[in-house]
Amino acid sequence: MIRVKVSRIILDPFTNSPIVILKDLEERRSLPIWIGLFEANAIAMKLENVMTPRPMTHDLIKNILDNLKATVEKIVVNDLVDNTYYACIYIRTENGIMEIDSRPSDAIAIALRMEAPIYVEEKVFEKAKVFDENEKEQLLREWLERLTPEDLEKFKA
């Protein structure tokens, strides 16, 4: 598992859908996850420390967990199947740790409120075809070395 942080939220320029960007702590790999507008708003509000007069859904969940004396140990983005990401929230209670299935966006919004660490399974980076920055440079270098003058001719206007 790789520990990550929420880097930022951006909009997909083609669909205007929000994308949360998770980055490993060394900032070598980024994982974009397309999320819903409401979840993006919940994440952004916490990142910007915006308070609302009444608790929003993820704030309500935090309040419930706090009142039950439960803590969020971590959240893990654990799979990617057919372009859908999966996550689990690990909640510690007096009876032990429970693993709760979740959408990554909800898990992230809760983790931010509970100050819990966020992790991504290595296989998710692999399935998402995410390269680390050094690998990107190496792949570009190899591609450039293989280019022939004929390849470049294809791009003439």
Protein backbone atom coordinates (compact mmCIF):
# COMPACT_ATOMS: atom_id res chain seq x y z
CA MET A 1 0.00 0.00 0.00
CA ILE A 2 1.17 3.48 -0.83
CA ARG A 3 0.24 6.39 1.40
CA VAL A 4 -1.18 9.32 -0.56
CA LYS A 5 -2.54 12.79 0.04
CA VAL A 6 -5.22 14.78 -1.68
CA SER A 7 -3.30 17.07 -4.00
CA ARG A 8 -6.16 19.00 -5.55
CA ILE A 9 -9.49 18.84 -7.34
CA ILE A 10 -9.64 19.74 -11.02
CA LEU A 11 -12.31 19.66 -13.70
CA ASP A 12 -12.11 17.31 -16.66
CA PRO A 13 -11.93 19.74 -19.60
CA PHE A 14 -14.06 17.46 -21.80
CA THR A 15 -16.86 16.48 -19.42
CA ASN A 16 -16.61 19.15 -16.69
CA SER A 17 -16.61 16.29 -14.19
CA PRO A 18 -14.57 16.83 -11.02
CA ILE A 19 -11.39 14.80 -10.60
CA VAL A 20 -9.66 14.36 -7.25
CA ILE A 21 -5.90 13.97 -7.63
CA LEU A 22 -4.17 11.74 -5.11
CA LYS A 23 -0.38 11.93 -4.95
CA ASP A 24 2.07 9.70 -3.14
CA LEU A 25 4.00 11.46 -0.39
CA GLU A 26 7.15 11.64 -2.55
CA GLU A 27 5.01 13.27 -5.28
CA ARG A 28 6.30 10.82 -7.87
CA ARG A 29 2.92 9.31 -8.78
CA SER A 30 -0.52 10.83 -9.15
CA LEU A 31 -3.82 8.99 -9.32
CA PRO A 32 -6.80 10.84 -10.86
CA ILE A 33 -10.23 9.66 -9.72
CA TRP A 34 -13.36 11.06 -11.39
CA ILE A 35 -15.94 11.87 -8.70
CA GLY A 36 -19.37 13.40 -8.34
CA LEU A 37 -20.02 17.10 -7.92
CA PHE A 38 -21.38 16.79 -4.37
CA GLU A 39 -18.42 14.69 -3.22
CA ALA A 40 -16.00 17.12 -4.87
CA ASN A 41 -17.70 19.94 -3.00
CA ALA A 42 -17.43 18.02 0.30
CA ILE A 43 -13.71 17.38 -0.26
CA ALA A 44 -13.02 20.96 -1.39
CA MET A 45 -14.89 22.43 1.58
CA LYS A 46 -12.70 20.47 3.98
CA LEU A 47 -9.50 21.30 2.10
CA GLU A 48 -10.44 25.00 2.29
CA ASN A 49 -11.68 24.70 5.92
CA VAL A 50 -15.11 26.06 5.00
CA MET A 51 -17.61 25.67 7.81
CA THR A 52 -21.35 25.32 7.23
CA PRO A 53 -24.05 26.37 9.70
CA ARG A 54 -25.42 22.82 9.76
CA PRO A 55 -23.53 19.55 9.27
CA MET A 56 -23.27 18.25 5.73
CA THR A 57 -23.43 14.47 5.14
CA HIS A 58 -19.73 13.73 5.71
CA ASP A 59 -19.67 16.04 8.74
CA LEU A 60 -22.67 14.15 10.10
CA ILE A 61 -20.80 10.85 9.66
CA LYS A 62 -17.82 12.31 11.53
CA ASN A 63 -20.13 13.47 14.35
CA ILE A 64 -21.71 10.01 14.61
CA LEU A 65 -18.31 8.30 14.71
CA ASP A 66 -17.03 10.77 17.32
CA ASN A 67 -20.10 10.23 19.51
CA LEU A 68 -19.69 6.46 19.23
CA LYS A 69 -16.01 6.88 20.18
CA ALA A 70 -15.03 5.24 16.90
CA THR A 71 -12.01 6.30 14.87
CA VAL A 72 -11.15 5.92 11.23
CA GLU A 73 -7.86 4.02 11.14
CA LYS A 74 -7.36 4.54 7.41
CA ILE A 75 -9.05 4.44 4.07
CA VAL A 76 -7.73 2.36 1.19
CA VAL A 77 -8.48 2.73 -2.50
CA ASN A 78 -8.21 -0.99 -3.14
CA ASP A 79 -9.37 -1.79 -6.66
CA LEU A 80 -10.20 -0.56 -10.14
CA VAL A 81 -12.70 -2.62 -12.15
CA ASP A 82 -14.24 -1.48 -15.45
CA ASN A 83 -13.13 2.12 -14.82
CA THR A 84 -14.76 2.11 -11.37
CA TYR A 85 -12.61 2.65 -8.29
CA TYR A 86 -13.34 0.86 -5.02
CA ALA A 87 -12.35 1.79 -1.48
CA CYS A 88 -12.70 0.63 2.10
CA ILE A 89 -12.96 2.61 5.30
CA TYR A 90 -11.37 0.93 8.34
CA ILE A 91 -13.21 1.96 11.49
CA ARG A 92 -11.96 1.07 14.98
CA THR A 93 -14.56 0.57 17.70
CA GLU A 94 -14.36 -1.00 21.13
CA ASN A 95 -15.17 -4.31 19.39
CA GLY A 96 -12.27 -4.12 16.92
CA ILE A 97 -11.77 -2.91 13.39
CA MET A 98 -14.57 -2.97 10.82
CA GLU A 99 -13.98 -2.78 7.09
CA ILE A 100 -16.69 -0.79 5.30
CA ASP A 101 -17.04 -0.77 1.49
CA SER A 102 -17.18 2.76 0.10
CA ARG A 103 -16.86 4.89 -2.97
CA PRO A 104 -13.40 6.49 -2.91
CA SER A 105 -14.86 10.00 -2.95
CA ASP A 106 -16.91 9.39 0.21
CA ALA A 107 -14.00 7.60 1.89
CA ILE A 108 -11.68 10.52 1.10
CA ALA A 109 -14.18 13.10 2.38
CA ILE A 110 -14.51 11.14 5.64
CA ALA A 111 -10.75 10.55 5.97
CA LEU A 112 -10.10 14.28 5.66
CA ARG A 113 -12.62 15.06 8.38
CA MET A 114 -11.33 12.31 10.67
CA GLU A 115 -7.67 13.15 9.92
CA ALA A 116 -7.12 9.54 8.85
CA PRO A 117 -4.41 8.40 6.44
CA ILE A 118 -5.31 7.61 2.84
CA TYR A 119 -3.70 4.69 1.00
CA VAL A 120 -3.83 3.25 -2.50
CA GLU A 121 -3.07 -0.39 -3.25
CA GLU A 122 -0.15 -0.83 -5.65
CA LYS A 123 -2.37 -2.82 -8.02
CA VAL A 124 -4.63 0.23 -8.45
CA PHE A 125 -1.70 2.32 -9.70
CA GLU A 126 -0.82 -0.54 -12.06
CA LYS A 127 -4.38 -0.96 -13.37
CA ALA A 128 -4.72 2.80 -13.83
CA LYS A 129 -1.45 2.71 -15.80
CA VAL A 130 0.09 5.40 -13.62
CA PHE A 131 3.82 5.87 -14.11
CA ASP A 132 6.17 7.43 -11.67
CA GLU A 133 7.93 10.58 -12.84
CA ASN A 134 11.24 8.75 -13.43
CA GLU A 135 9.47 6.10 -15.51
CA LYS A 136 7.75 8.79 -17.61
CA GLU A 137 11.09 10.40 -18.40
CA GLN A 138 12.62 7.03 -19.29
CA LEU A 139 9.68 6.09 -21.55
CA LEU A 140 9.85 9.46 -23.32
CA ARG A 141 13.61 9.11 -23.76
CA GLU A 142 13.22 5.61 -25.24
CA TRP A 143 10.45 6.79 -27.59
CA LEU A 144 12.55 9.73 -28.77
CA GLU A 145 15.56 7.47 -29.36
CA ARG A 146 13.44 5.19 -31.59
CA LEU A 147 12.10 8.04 -33.74
CA THR A 148 13.23 8.02 -37.33
CA PRO A 149 13.18 10.87 -39.86
CA GLU A 150 10.26 9.08 -41.55
CA ASP A 151 8.30 9.18 -38.28
CA LEU A 152 8.82 12.94 -38.10
CA GLU A 153 7.59 13.38 -41.68
CA LYS A 154 4.16 12.19 -40.58
CA PHE A 155 3.74 15.34 -38.50
CA LYS A 156 4.45 17.88 -41.22
CA ALA A 157 1.63 20.29 -41.93
